[in-house]
Protein backbone atom coordinates (compact mmCIF):
# COMPACT_ATOMS: atom_id res chain seq x y z
CA UNK A 1 -51.23 53.74 69.05
CA UNK A 2 -52.58 51.36 71.64
CA UNK A 3 -52.34 47.59 71.35
CA UNK A 4 -54.96 45.53 73.09
CA UNK A 5 -54.04 42.80 75.55
CA UNK A 6 -55.25 40.17 73.05
CA UNK A 7 -52.94 41.47 70.33
CA UNK A 8 -49.91 41.55 72.66
CA UNK A 9 -50.72 38.03 73.89
CA UNK A 10 -51.04 36.77 70.27
CA UNK A 11 -47.64 38.23 69.34
CA UNK A 12 -46.12 36.62 72.44
CA UNK A 13 -47.60 33.22 71.51
CA UNK A 14 -46.29 33.49 67.94
CA UNK A 15 -42.79 34.20 69.25
CA UNK A 16 -42.99 31.24 71.67
CA UNK A 17 -44.19 28.85 68.92
CA UNK A 18 -41.45 29.97 66.52
CA UNK A 19 -38.75 29.56 69.18
CA UNK A 20 -40.09 26.10 70.03
CA UNK A 21 -40.11 25.10 66.33
CA UNK A 22 -36.49 26.24 65.84
CA UNK A 23 -35.49 24.21 68.88
CA UNK A 24 -37.45 21.01 68.09
CA UNK A 25 -36.93 20.60 64.32
CA UNK A 26 -33.13 19.98 64.56
CA UNK A 27 -33.75 17.49 67.38
CA UNK A 28 -36.14 15.50 65.17
CA UNK A 29 -33.67 15.52 62.27
CA UNK A 30 -30.89 14.25 64.55
CA UNK A 31 -33.21 11.55 65.88
CA UNK A 32 -33.99 10.45 62.31
CA UNK A 33 -30.25 10.11 61.53
CA UNK A 34 -29.66 8.06 64.69
CA UNK A 35 -32.56 5.76 63.85
CA UNK A 36 -31.23 5.25 60.30
CA UNK A 37 -27.79 4.35 61.68
CA UNK A 38 -29.21 1.93 64.26
CA UNK A 39 -31.40 0.31 61.58
CA UNK A 40 -28.34 -0.14 59.34
CA UNK A 41 -26.37 -1.81 62.14
CA UNK A 42 -29.27 -4.13 63.07
CA UNK A 43 -30.01 -5.08 59.44
CA UNK A 44 -26.32 -5.68 58.69
CA UNK A 45 -25.88 -7.87 61.79
CA UNK A 46 -29.05 -9.83 60.88
CA UNK A 47 -27.80 -10.43 57.32
CA UNK A 48 -24.38 -11.55 58.61
CA UNK A 49 -26.07 -13.89 61.12
CA UNK A 50 -28.27 -15.44 58.42
CA UNK A 51 -25.26 -16.10 56.21
CA UNK A 52 -23.25 -17.42 59.18
CA UNK A 53 -25.99 -19.96 60.01
CA UNK A 54 -26.07 -21.25 56.44
CA UNK A 55 -23.55 -23.75 55.04
CA UNK A 56 -22.55 -21.47 52.19
CA UNK A 57 -23.91 -18.57 50.23
CA UNK A 58 -23.45 -15.19 48.67
CA UNK A 59 -25.84 -12.27 48.89
CA UNK A 60 -25.56 -8.74 47.55
CA UNK A 61 -27.09 -6.24 49.97
CA UNK A 62 -27.75 -2.51 49.98
CA UNK A 63 -28.30 -0.31 53.01
CA UNK A 64 -29.27 3.32 53.55
CA UNK A 65 -27.29 5.70 55.73
CA UNK A 66 -27.36 9.45 56.38
CA UNK A 67 -25.55 11.34 53.64
CA UNK A 68 -23.06 12.78 56.19
CA UNK A 69 -21.45 9.34 56.41
CA UNK A 70 -18.83 9.10 53.67
CA UNK A 71 -17.84 5.47 54.22
CA UNK A 72 -18.01 2.57 56.63
CA UNK A 73 -14.79 0.91 57.71
CA UNK A 74 -13.79 -2.16 59.69
CA UNK A 75 -11.15 -2.74 62.34
CA UNK A 76 -11.04 -6.45 63.22
CA UNK A 77 -14.77 -7.17 63.46
CA UNK A 78 -15.64 -3.65 64.59
CA UNK A 79 -17.54 -1.30 62.33
CA UNK A 80 -17.03 2.46 62.38
CA UNK A 81 -18.16 5.40 60.27
CA UNK A 82 -16.10 8.07 58.54
CA UNK A 83 -15.91 10.87 59.36
CA UNK A 84 -15.38 9.72 62.94
CA UNK A 85 -18.08 10.88 65.36
CA UNK A 86 -20.96 10.87 62.87
CA UNK A 87 -22.13 7.40 63.90
CA UNK A 88 -24.08 8.39 66.98
CA UNK A 89 -23.50 7.10 70.50
CA UNK A 90 -20.35 5.07 70.01
CA UNK A 91 -17.55 5.24 67.47
CA UNK A 92 -17.15 1.45 67.10
CA UNK A 93 -19.79 -1.28 66.89
CA UNK A 94 -18.93 -4.96 67.24
CA UNK A 95 -20.28 -7.13 64.41
CA UNK A 96 -20.34 -10.81 65.37
CA UNK A 97 -19.42 -13.71 63.04
CA UNK A 98 -17.56 -11.44 60.63
CA UNK A 99 -14.05 -11.91 59.23
CA UNK A 100 -12.79 -8.74 57.57
CA UNK A 101 -9.43 -7.22 56.76
CA UNK A 102 -8.37 -4.33 59.01
CA UNK A 103 -8.81 -1.01 57.30
CA UNK A 104 -11.33 -2.35 54.77
CA UNK A 105 -13.72 0.49 53.84
CA UNK A 106 -16.84 0.75 51.69
CA UNK A 107 -17.76 4.12 50.23
CA UNK A 108 -21.25 5.53 50.66
CA UNK A 109 -22.74 6.84 47.42
CA UNK A 110 -25.60 9.27 48.06
CA UNK A 111 -26.32 7.55 51.37
CA UNK A 112 -26.29 4.00 49.95
CA UNK A 113 -23.86 1.23 50.88
CA UNK A 114 -23.59 -1.84 48.63
CA UNK A 115 -21.65 -4.98 49.51
CA UNK A 116 -21.65 -8.74 49.06
CA UNK A 117 -21.87 -11.02 52.09
CA UNK A 118 -20.23 -14.43 51.46
CA UNK A 119 -19.51 -17.70 53.19
CA UNK A 120 -18.02 -20.90 51.73
CA UNK A 121 -18.28 -24.49 53.05
CA UNK A 122 -14.85 -24.45 54.66
CA UNK A 123 -15.23 -21.04 56.33
CA UNK A 124 -16.30 -20.48 59.91
CA UNK A 125 -16.94 -16.73 59.62
CA UNK A 126 -18.67 -14.55 57.04
CA UNK A 127 -16.69 -12.32 54.64
CA UNK A 128 -17.74 -9.13 52.89
CA UNK A 129 -16.63 -7.78 49.56
């Protein structure tokens, strides 16, 4: 049974496209997770900055994260994700104007983090609960 050049070339192209798809799709999914993490960090820092600039206030906030992240934790004013290594480029991210207890963690429920950002008149830094 003879296969024409066109048929062989078509089979070759199908194999190339499938291999390319299997290579690219995981890259896009990883990129989406990194963007979600970066957006969380930027939004959280912006909310902390807004509260820090105000005289006092309390705001309940909710953020989305990839479901692989089980919880966010704080060490001094540094934020990190558990399990370690899931958070992208760096394990720790400095959050400015934040006063938090070492080892304080917030559990992620189905990729959602809820917390309250607070500041009172006599406080210089923002707290989270």
